[in-house]
Each structure stands twice: as C-alpha cells, then as structure tokens.
Amino acid sequence: MPARQHRVTRGDDYRRIVRTGNRVGGATCIAHAVLHVRGADAPDQPARFGFIISKAVGNAVTRNLVRRRMKFLVERGLHAGFTGADIVFRALPASADAGFEGLERDVTRALRKVERMLAERDAGPDPGSEPGSRP
C-alpha cells in the first residue's frame, strides 16, 4: 500500500483531479492526471494516487481485489521513481473480468503517458513555436 504521502485522501482533491485532469482511457480503467507545478519556489512533490471503484465493478470482494491490484501496480511505479503528478484511477466494470495482465497493461500505459506529459512540460516550448511565428 502506498504511504500516506502518496495517497489522495480528500474528496475535494478527488473532484479537482477528475474534473480538471488530463484523461487517459483504457479498457479496464480511466486515469485522470493533474501535473504538479514546477519552478524554483516549488520543490518536486511526490506523486499522489487515488482510486474510484464503483459498485458497477462488482461485489465488495471483486472491488477490493481490483483496488489491491491497482495499488500494487502504482507501488511498482513509485519504486521506479514516478513523481510530479496527482492521478485518480477510475475502474470500469471490465476490470473485474480483465485479470491482472489486462489491468497492468492499462495502468502502466496511463503512467507512461503521464510521464511523457511531464517530460514535455519540463522540456518547455520550442523557440520556433512562439504564437504568431511561421516556419
């Protein structure tokens, strides 16, 4: 289980991330990601994760199984050094039947896409991409 510093715990944070975050869809889950602000006055913040598993996924046993699998996959991402974003994963009903491999494919795909967004943000705009400039 991710440490408390890596968990989204407040309902307001869940709502903000889901409503304003970049969306990455998959067959078993949808990830909503909000990138952390970077700058000289904002140190690198740890990544935070939240999980939404509705009753549409299945009974309590099935929902908890899906949640534990997702937490395990996120924990692997944290050990690999993932930082810089708040992400909420919303499990879809297909996650109950997908098995570990299907869930792993979608969660790791979402994490890779968020890492690409972070890399693009850190690289900054190209000098030739100024508004109004032409190639």
C-alpha atoms as a PDB file:
ATOM      1  CA  MET A   1       0.000   0.000   0.000  1.00  0.00           C
ATOM      2  CA  PRO A   2       1.377   3.415  -0.891  1.00  0.00           C
ATOM      3  CA  ALA A   3       2.491   5.564   2.028  1.00  0.00           C
ATOM      4  CA  ARG A   4       0.156   8.340   3.164  1.00  0.00           C
ATOM      5  CA  GLN A   5       2.172  10.973   1.308  1.00  0.00           C
ATOM      6  CA  HIS A   6       1.355   9.123  -1.935  1.00  0.00           C
ATOM      7  CA  ARG A   7      -2.418   8.954  -1.411  1.00  0.00           C
ATOM      8  CA  VAL A   8      -5.183  11.338  -2.382  1.00  0.00           C
ATOM      9  CA  THR A   9      -7.316  11.471   0.759  1.00  0.00           C
ATOM     10  CA  ARG A  10      -9.652  14.475   0.499  1.00  0.00           C
ATOM     11  CA  GLY A  11     -12.874  14.494  -1.502  1.00  0.00           C
ATOM     12  CA  ASP A  12     -12.081  17.991  -2.789  1.00  0.00           C
ATOM     13  CA  ASP A  13      -8.813  16.691  -4.244  1.00  0.00           C
ATOM     14  CA  TYR A  14     -10.601  13.787  -5.948  1.00  0.00           C
ATOM     15  CA  ARG A  15     -13.110  16.178  -7.526  1.00  0.00           C
ATOM     16  CA  ARG A  16     -10.418  18.628  -8.662  1.00  0.00           C
ATOM     17  CA  ILE A  17      -8.306  15.889 -10.246  1.00  0.00           C
ATOM     18  CA  VAL A  18     -11.220  14.202 -12.029  1.00  0.00           C
ATOM     19  CA  ARG A  19     -12.726  17.464 -13.288  1.00  0.00           C
ATOM     20  CA  THR A  20      -9.571  19.279 -14.389  1.00  0.00           C
ATOM     21  CA  GLY A  21      -7.087  16.474 -15.033  1.00  0.00           C
ATOM     22  CA  ASN A  22      -5.806  15.140 -18.320  1.00  0.00           C
ATOM     23  CA  ARG A  23      -7.643  11.939 -19.139  1.00  0.00           C
ATOM     24  CA  VAL A  24      -6.041   8.666 -20.234  1.00  0.00           C
ATOM     25  CA  GLY A  25      -8.555   5.976 -21.141  1.00  0.00           C
ATOM     26  CA  GLY A  26      -8.180   2.243 -21.314  1.00  0.00           C
ATOM     27  CA  ALA A  27     -10.324  -0.871 -21.489  1.00  0.00           C
ATOM     28  CA  THR A  28     -10.280  -1.503 -17.731  1.00  0.00           C
ATOM     29  CA  CYS A  29      -9.713   1.909 -16.173  1.00  0.00           C
ATOM     30  CA  ILE A  30      -9.580   5.626 -16.821  1.00  0.00           C
ATOM     31  CA  ALA A  31      -6.834   7.772 -15.300  1.00  0.00           C
ATOM     32  CA  HIS A  32      -7.211  11.472 -14.577  1.00  0.00           C
ATOM     33  CA  ALA A  33      -3.887  13.267 -14.012  1.00  0.00           C
ATOM     34  CA  VAL A  34      -3.021  16.754 -12.782  1.00  0.00           C
ATOM     35  CA  LEU A  35       0.641  17.689 -13.208  1.00  0.00           C
ATOM     36  CA  HIS A  36       2.336  19.426 -10.281  1.00  0.00           C
ATOM     37  CA  VAL A  37       3.590  22.960 -10.742  1.00  0.00           C
ATOM     38  CA  ARG A  38       7.360  23.112 -11.131  1.00  0.00           C
ATOM     39  CA  GLY A  39       9.616  26.007 -10.536  1.00  0.00           C
ATOM     40  CA  ALA A  40      12.321  27.421  -8.306  1.00  0.00           C
ATOM     41  CA  ASP A  41       9.849  28.100  -5.486  1.00  0.00           C
ATOM     42  CA  ALA A  42       8.033  24.720  -5.784  1.00  0.00           C
ATOM     43  CA  PRO A  43      10.168  21.701  -4.856  1.00  0.00           C
ATOM     44  CA  ASP A  44       9.488  18.372  -6.565  1.00  0.00           C
ATOM     45  CA  GLN A  45       6.411  16.945  -4.865  1.00  0.00           C
ATOM     46  CA  PRO A  46       5.729  13.230  -4.504  1.00  0.00           C
ATOM     47  CA  ALA A  47       3.117  11.658  -6.747  1.00  0.00           C
ATOM     48  CA  ARG A  48      -0.282  11.033  -5.179  1.00  0.00           C
ATOM     49  CA  PHE A  49      -2.784   8.397  -6.263  1.00  0.00           C
ATOM     50  CA  GLY A  50      -6.472   7.808  -5.667  1.00  0.00           C
ATOM     51  CA  PHE A  51      -8.799   5.004  -6.707  1.00  0.00           C
ATOM     52  CA  ILE A  52     -12.509   5.043  -7.531  1.00  0.00           C
ATOM     53  CA  ILE A  53     -14.054   1.567  -7.714  1.00  0.00           C
ATOM     54  CA  SER A  54     -17.838   1.796  -8.029  1.00  0.00           C
ATOM     55  CA  LYS A  55     -20.404  -0.917  -7.339  1.00  0.00           C
ATOM     56  CA  ALA A  56     -20.743  -1.352 -11.097  1.00  0.00           C
ATOM     57  CA  VAL A  57     -17.412  -3.232 -10.969  1.00  0.00           C
ATOM     58  CA  GLY A  58     -18.860  -5.973  -8.789  1.00  0.00           C
ATOM     59  CA  ASN A  59     -19.444  -7.031  -5.221  1.00  0.00           C
ATOM     60  CA  ALA A  60     -17.185  -5.979  -2.335  1.00  0.00           C
ATOM     61  CA  VAL A  61     -14.792  -8.885  -2.813  1.00  0.00           C
ATOM     62  CA  THR A  62     -14.309  -8.070  -6.507  1.00  0.00           C
ATOM     63  CA  ARG A  63     -13.943  -4.328  -5.888  1.00  0.00           C
ATOM     64  CA  ASN A  64     -11.310  -4.898  -3.210  1.00  0.00           C
ATOM     65  CA  LEU A  65      -9.418  -7.295  -5.472  1.00  0.00           C
ATOM     66  CA  VAL A  66      -9.336  -4.692  -8.253  1.00  0.00           C
ATOM     67  CA  ARG A  67      -8.244  -1.989  -5.775  1.00  0.00           C
ATOM     68  CA  ARG A  68      -5.425  -4.150  -4.363  1.00  0.00           C
ATOM     69  CA  ARG A  69      -4.169  -4.938  -7.867  1.00  0.00           C
ATOM     70  CA  MET A  70      -4.190  -1.269  -8.834  1.00  0.00           C
ATOM     71  CA  LYS A  71      -2.386  -0.282  -5.631  1.00  0.00           C
ATOM     72  CA  PHE A  72       0.282  -2.908  -6.298  1.00  0.00           C
ATOM     73  CA  LEU A  73       0.841  -1.582  -9.823  1.00  0.00           C
ATOM     74  CA  VAL A  74       1.050   2.003  -8.559  1.00  0.00           C
ATOM     75  CA  GLU A  75       3.522   0.930  -5.880  1.00  0.00           C
ATOM     76  CA  ARG A  76       5.748  -0.505  -8.631  1.00  0.00           C
ATOM     77  CA  GLY A  77       5.589   2.835 -10.433  1.00  0.00           C
ATOM     78  CA  LEU A  78       6.568   4.667  -7.251  1.00  0.00           C
ATOM     79  CA  HIS A  79       9.556   2.370  -6.749  1.00  0.00           C
ATOM     80  CA  ALA A  80      10.592   3.131 -10.341  1.00  0.00           C
ATOM     81  CA  GLY A  81      10.733   6.825  -9.405  1.00  0.00           C
ATOM     82  CA  PHE A  82       7.411   8.228 -10.631  1.00  0.00           C
ATOM     83  CA  THR A  83       6.846  11.780  -9.286  1.00  0.00           C
ATOM     84  CA  GLY A  84       5.245  15.044 -10.273  1.00  0.00           C
ATOM     85  CA  ALA A  85       1.517  14.328 -10.665  1.00  0.00           C
ATOM     86  CA  ASP A  86      -1.717  13.566  -8.855  1.00  0.00           C
ATOM     87  CA  ILE A  87      -3.575  10.688 -10.513  1.00  0.00           C
ATOM     88  CA  VAL A  88      -7.013   9.214  -9.851  1.00  0.00           C
ATOM     89  CA  PHE A  89      -7.782   5.834 -11.416  1.00  0.00           C
ATOM     90  CA  ARG A  90     -11.454   5.050 -12.029  1.00  0.00           C
ATOM     91  CA  ALA A  91     -12.056   1.334 -12.561  1.00  0.00           C
ATOM     92  CA  LEU A  92     -14.506   0.329 -15.261  1.00  0.00           C
ATOM     93  CA  PRO A  93     -16.765  -2.744 -14.973  1.00  0.00           C
ATOM     94  CA  ALA A  94     -14.464  -4.594 -17.404  1.00  0.00           C
ATOM     95  CA  SER A  95     -11.697  -4.503 -14.770  1.00  0.00           C
ATOM     96  CA  ALA A  96     -13.450  -7.259 -12.801  1.00  0.00           C
ATOM     97  CA  ASP A  97     -13.018  -9.786 -15.622  1.00  0.00           C
ATOM     98  CA  ALA A  98      -9.779  -8.494 -17.134  1.00  0.00           C
ATOM     99  CA  GLY A  99      -7.363 -10.277 -14.834  1.00  0.00           C
ATOM    100  CA  PHE A 100      -4.072  -8.905 -13.596  1.00  0.00           C
ATOM    101  CA  GLU A 101      -2.414  -8.657 -17.016  1.00  0.00           C
ATOM    102  CA  GLY A 102      -5.188  -6.536 -18.524  1.00  0.00           C
ATOM    103  CA  LEU A 103      -5.219  -4.191 -15.557  1.00  0.00           C
ATOM    104  CA  GLU A 104      -1.423  -3.997 -15.592  1.00  0.00           C
ATOM    105  CA  ARG A 105      -1.446  -3.048 -19.279  1.00  0.00           C
ATOM    106  CA  ASP A 106      -3.850  -0.145 -18.765  1.00  0.00           C
ATOM    107  CA  VAL A 107      -2.311   1.201 -15.533  1.00  0.00           C
ATOM    108  CA  THR A 108       1.257   1.126 -16.854  1.00  0.00           C
ATOM    109  CA  ARG A 109       0.090   2.693 -20.134  1.00  0.00           C
ATOM    110  CA  ALA A 110      -1.503   5.550 -18.184  1.00  0.00           C
ATOM    111  CA  LEU A 111       1.629   6.051 -16.063  1.00  0.00           C
ATOM    112  CA  ARG A 112       3.847   6.116 -19.174  1.00  0.00           C
ATOM    113  CA  LYS A 113       1.593   8.669 -20.830  1.00  0.00           C
ATOM    114  CA  VAL A 114       1.683  10.915 -17.752  1.00  0.00           C
ATOM    115  CA  GLU A 115       5.495  10.576 -17.683  1.00  0.00           C
ATOM    116  CA  ARG A 116       5.572  11.747 -21.325  1.00  0.00           C
ATOM    117  CA  MET A 117       3.385  14.733 -20.415  1.00  0.00           C
ATOM    118  CA  LEU A 118       5.782  15.573 -17.578  1.00  0.00           C
ATOM    119  CA  ALA A 119       8.785  15.282 -19.904  1.00  0.00           C
ATOM    120  CA  GLU A 120       7.141  17.542 -22.498  1.00  0.00           C
ATOM    121  CA  ARG A 121       6.316  20.093 -19.821  1.00  0.00           C
ATOM    122  CA  ASP A 122       9.863  20.065 -18.472  1.00  0.00           C
ATOM    123  CA  ALA A 123      11.364  20.375 -21.953  1.00  0.00           C
ATOM    124  CA  GLY A 124       9.474  23.621 -22.457  1.00  0.00           C
ATOM    125  CA  PRO A 125       8.244  25.113 -25.716  1.00  0.00           C
ATOM    126  CA  ASP A 126      10.402  25.125 -28.816  1.00  0.00           C
ATOM    127  CA  PRO A 127      11.829  28.534 -29.767  1.00  0.00           C
ATOM    128  CA  GLY A 128      10.092  28.300 -33.159  1.00  0.00           C
ATOM    129  CA  SER A 129       6.695  27.559 -31.630  1.00  0.00           C
ATOM    130  CA  GLU A 130       6.007  31.110 -30.490  1.00  0.00           C
ATOM    131  CA  PRO A 131       2.452  32.249 -31.175  1.00  0.00           C
ATOM    132  CA  GLY A 132       2.299  34.106 -34.451  1.00  0.00           C
ATOM    133  CA  SER A 133       5.633  32.792 -35.771  1.00  0.00           C
ATOM    134  CA  ARG A 134       5.734  30.863 -39.014  1.00  0.00           C
ATOM    135  CA  PRO A 135       8.205  28.204 -40.098  1.00  0.00           C
END
